[in-house]
Protein backbone atom coordinates (compact mmCIF):
# COMPACT_ATOMS: atom_id res chain seq x y z
CA MET A 1 -5.38 44.12 5.32
CA GLU A 2 -2.64 41.71 4.27
CA LYS A 3 -1.26 41.60 7.82
CA LYS A 4 -4.71 40.72 9.13
CA GLN A 5 -4.95 37.82 6.64
CA ARG A 6 -1.49 36.60 7.62
CA LEU A 7 -2.45 36.63 11.32
CA GLU A 8 -5.65 34.77 10.53
CA LYS A 9 -3.71 32.13 8.58
CA GLN A 10 -1.22 31.78 11.44
CA LYS A 11 -4.11 31.17 13.85
CA VAL A 12 -5.56 28.50 11.56
CA GLN A 13 -2.12 26.90 11.12
CA GLU A 14 -1.58 26.86 14.91
CA ALA A 15 -5.03 25.33 15.45
CA LEU A 16 -4.24 22.64 12.86
CA LYS A 17 -0.88 21.98 14.49
CA ASN A 18 -2.50 21.58 17.92
CA ALA A 19 -5.25 19.33 16.57
CA MET A 20 -2.79 17.11 14.69
CA SER A 21 -0.31 16.89 17.56
CA SER A 22 -3.00 15.61 19.94
CA ALA A 23 -4.50 13.25 17.35
CA LYS A 24 -3.67 9.53 17.38
CA SER A 25 -4.10 9.47 13.60
CA VAL A 26 -4.92 11.83 10.72
CA VAL A 27 -6.74 10.76 7.55
CA PHE A 28 -6.62 12.95 4.44
CA VAL A 29 -9.92 12.94 2.55
CA ASP A 30 -10.75 14.05 -0.99
CA PHE A 31 -14.33 15.30 -0.97
CA ARG A 32 -14.65 16.39 -4.63
CA GLY A 33 -18.07 15.54 -6.03
CA VAL A 34 -19.60 14.85 -2.61
CA ALA A 35 -23.15 16.19 -2.29
CA VAL A 36 -24.04 18.43 0.63
CA ALA A 37 -26.31 15.76 2.13
CA ASP A 38 -23.48 13.21 1.96
CA ASP A 39 -21.03 15.68 3.48
CA THR A 40 -23.52 16.23 6.30
CA LYS A 41 -23.72 12.45 6.77
CA LEU A 42 -19.90 12.27 7.02
CA ARG A 43 -19.74 15.16 9.49
CA ARG A 44 -22.47 13.56 11.64
CA ALA A 45 -20.66 10.20 11.63
CA CYS A 46 -17.42 11.94 12.62
CA ARG A 47 -19.12 13.85 15.43
CA GLU A 48 -20.71 10.65 16.80
CA ALA A 49 -17.32 8.87 16.73
CA ASN A 50 -15.48 11.82 18.38
CA VAL A 51 -13.51 12.42 15.17
CA VAL A 52 -12.55 16.01 14.30
CA TYR A 53 -13.31 16.72 10.64
CA LYS A 54 -11.85 19.90 9.11
CA VAL A 55 -11.44 21.28 5.62
CA ALA A 56 -8.16 23.18 5.39
CA LYS A 57 -5.86 24.80 2.88
CA ASN A 58 -3.09 22.44 1.82
CA THR A 59 -0.33 25.00 2.41
CA LEU A 60 -1.49 25.53 6.01
CA VAL A 61 -1.65 21.77 6.59
CA ARG A 62 1.86 21.40 5.13
CA ARG A 63 3.22 24.15 7.37
CA ALA A 64 1.57 22.63 10.43
CA ILE A 65 3.08 19.22 9.60
CA ASP A 66 6.51 20.78 9.02
CA SER A 67 6.33 22.63 12.34
CA LEU A 68 5.62 19.30 14.08
CA GLY A 69 8.68 17.78 12.40
CA TRP A 70 6.62 15.02 10.80
CA GLN A 71 7.21 13.34 7.47
CA SER A 72 5.75 15.31 4.53
CA PRO A 73 2.67 13.73 2.95
CA GLY A 74 3.70 15.06 -0.48
CA GLU A 75 1.10 14.49 -3.20
CA MET A 76 -1.63 13.71 -0.69
CA LEU A 77 -2.01 17.43 -0.16
CA GLU A 78 -3.04 18.27 -3.70
CA GLY A 79 -6.58 19.28 -4.58
CA PRO A 80 -9.33 19.81 -2.02
CA THR A 81 -8.37 18.19 1.28
CA ALA A 82 -10.20 17.54 4.50
CA LEU A 83 -8.69 16.04 7.62
CA ALA A 84 -10.31 13.47 9.89
CA MET A 85 -8.49 13.27 13.23
CA SER A 86 -9.11 11.07 16.23
CA GLU A 87 -7.74 11.76 19.70
CA VAL A 88 -9.28 8.56 21.09
CA ASP A 89 -8.00 5.68 18.98
CA PRO A 90 -5.72 5.42 15.93
CA THR A 91 -8.32 3.38 14.03
CA THR A 92 -11.39 5.54 14.68
CA ALA A 93 -10.87 8.23 12.01
CA ALA A 94 -10.03 5.68 9.31
CA ARG A 95 -12.93 3.42 10.30
CA THR A 96 -15.41 6.32 10.32
CA VAL A 97 -14.41 7.68 6.91
CA ALA A 98 -14.23 4.18 5.37
CA GLY A 99 -17.68 3.40 6.76
CA VAL A 100 -19.19 6.48 5.12
CA MET A 101 -17.31 5.74 1.87
CA LYS A 102 -19.45 2.61 1.44
CA ASP A 103 -22.53 4.84 1.06
CA VAL A 104 -20.76 7.78 -0.64
CA PRO A 105 -18.57 6.53 -3.52
CA ALA A 106 -17.42 10.07 -4.42
CA LEU A 107 -15.57 10.27 -1.10
CA LYS A 108 -11.93 9.18 -1.36
CA ILE A 109 -9.17 8.61 1.16
CA LYS A 110 -5.88 10.13 0.00
CA GLY A 111 -3.71 8.70 2.77
CA GLY A 112 -2.92 9.59 6.34
CA LEU A 113 -0.51 10.06 9.19
CA LEU A 114 0.09 7.83 12.19
CA ASP A 115 2.57 9.03 14.81
CA GLY A 116 4.00 11.47 12.27
CA GLU A 117 4.57 8.75 9.66
CA VAL A 118 2.88 8.89 6.26
CA LEU A 119 0.38 6.11 5.52
CA SER A 120 -0.63 5.07 2.01
CA VAL A 121 -4.30 4.61 1.11
CA ASP A 122 -3.91 0.83 1.53
CA ARG A 123 -2.45 1.22 5.02
CA VAL A 124 -5.25 3.60 6.03
CA MET A 125 -7.83 1.10 4.75
CA PHE A 126 -6.06 -1.66 6.71
CA LEU A 127 -6.17 0.57 9.79
CA ALA A 128 -9.93 0.91 9.23
CA THR A 129 -10.34 -2.87 9.48
CA LEU A 130 -8.58 -3.17 12.82
CA PRO A 131 -10.72 -3.40 15.96
CA SER A 132 -10.74 -0.44 18.32
CA ARG A 133 -8.68 -0.36 21.51
CA GLU A 134 -11.77 -1.11 23.61
CA GLU A 135 -12.63 -4.15 21.47
CA LEU A 136 -9.07 -5.46 21.76
CA LEU A 137 -9.10 -4.99 25.53
CA ALA A 138 -12.45 -6.77 25.82
CA LYS A 139 -11.21 -9.68 23.69
CA THR A 140 -8.03 -9.92 25.75
CA ALA A 141 -9.98 -9.88 29.00
CA GLY A 142 -12.33 -12.55 27.65
CA ALA A 143 -9.41 -14.71 26.55
CA MET A 144 -7.80 -14.39 29.98
CA GLN A 145 -11.07 -14.99 31.81
CA SER A 146 -12.01 -18.13 29.87
CA PRO A 147 -9.27 -20.44 31.26
CA LEU A 148 -9.83 -19.09 34.77
CA THR A 149 -13.56 -19.77 34.53
CA GLY A 150 -12.88 -23.29 33.27
CA PHE A 151 -10.42 -23.89 36.12
CA ALA A 152 -12.97 -22.66 38.68
CA VAL A 153 -15.66 -24.97 37.22
CA VAL A 154 -13.30 -27.97 37.38
CA LEU A 155 -12.37 -27.20 40.99
CA ASN A 156 -16.01 -26.72 41.93
CA GLU A 157 -17.01 -30.03 40.33
CA THR A 158 -14.14 -31.84 42.05
CA LEU A 159 -15.22 -30.49 45.43
CA ALA A 160 -18.88 -31.25 44.70
CA GLY A 161 -17.96 -34.83 43.71
CA PHE A 162 -15.96 -35.23 46.92
CA VAL A 163 -18.93 -33.99 48.99
CA ARG A 164 -21.25 -36.44 47.21
CA VAL A 165 -18.87 -39.35 47.93
CA VAL A 166 -18.59 -38.39 51.61
CA GLU A 167 -22.38 -38.08 51.87
CA ALA A 168 -22.84 -41.49 50.21
CA LEU A 169 -20.36 -43.04 52.68
CA ARG A 170 -22.18 -41.44 55.60
CA LEU A 171 -25.53 -42.80 54.40
CA LYS A 172 -24.03 -46.25 53.83
CA ARG A 173 -22.57 -46.32 57.36
CA GLU A 174 -25.91 -45.22 58.85
CA GLU A 175 -27.65 -48.07 56.99
CA ALA A 176 -25.01 -50.57 58.14
CA ALA A 177 -25.33 -49.36 61.74
CA SER A 178 -29.10 -49.78 61.77
């Protein structure tokens, strides 16, 4: 019986290790006092944002982190802990949990991990305010496109002005010839 439990725990630890190693960021969440309806709201928000949300035993999370060679989160893994992990963008998990926290005050962020480095609550909240990768790329493309568009408009107007001048000269010469 005990051997079966140990094998089960090893499977869970390995699954946690795999999930954390492929995640861009991990956010540790304290869900004490959260109602079932609010927990369902958080899980739905995570699912919609492609964020993996798991409740796990702290010892198994610690072992998974140790096996990855990452910095130990220490006190963050005390009390009930859930993990929100995003494989898409480092800001997604933090933004999703912080967004639900506005409606669910009992939900608390304990801290997080980014590239194996421990993040304090303040740093996770800062991460939640950053725009996503797609937003940054769109803003960069817009910033690059704006001067090019302006340059094209100036060139077009210069050519159009030149054509108008040539046309006016042609009409003036036709009038002078007649």
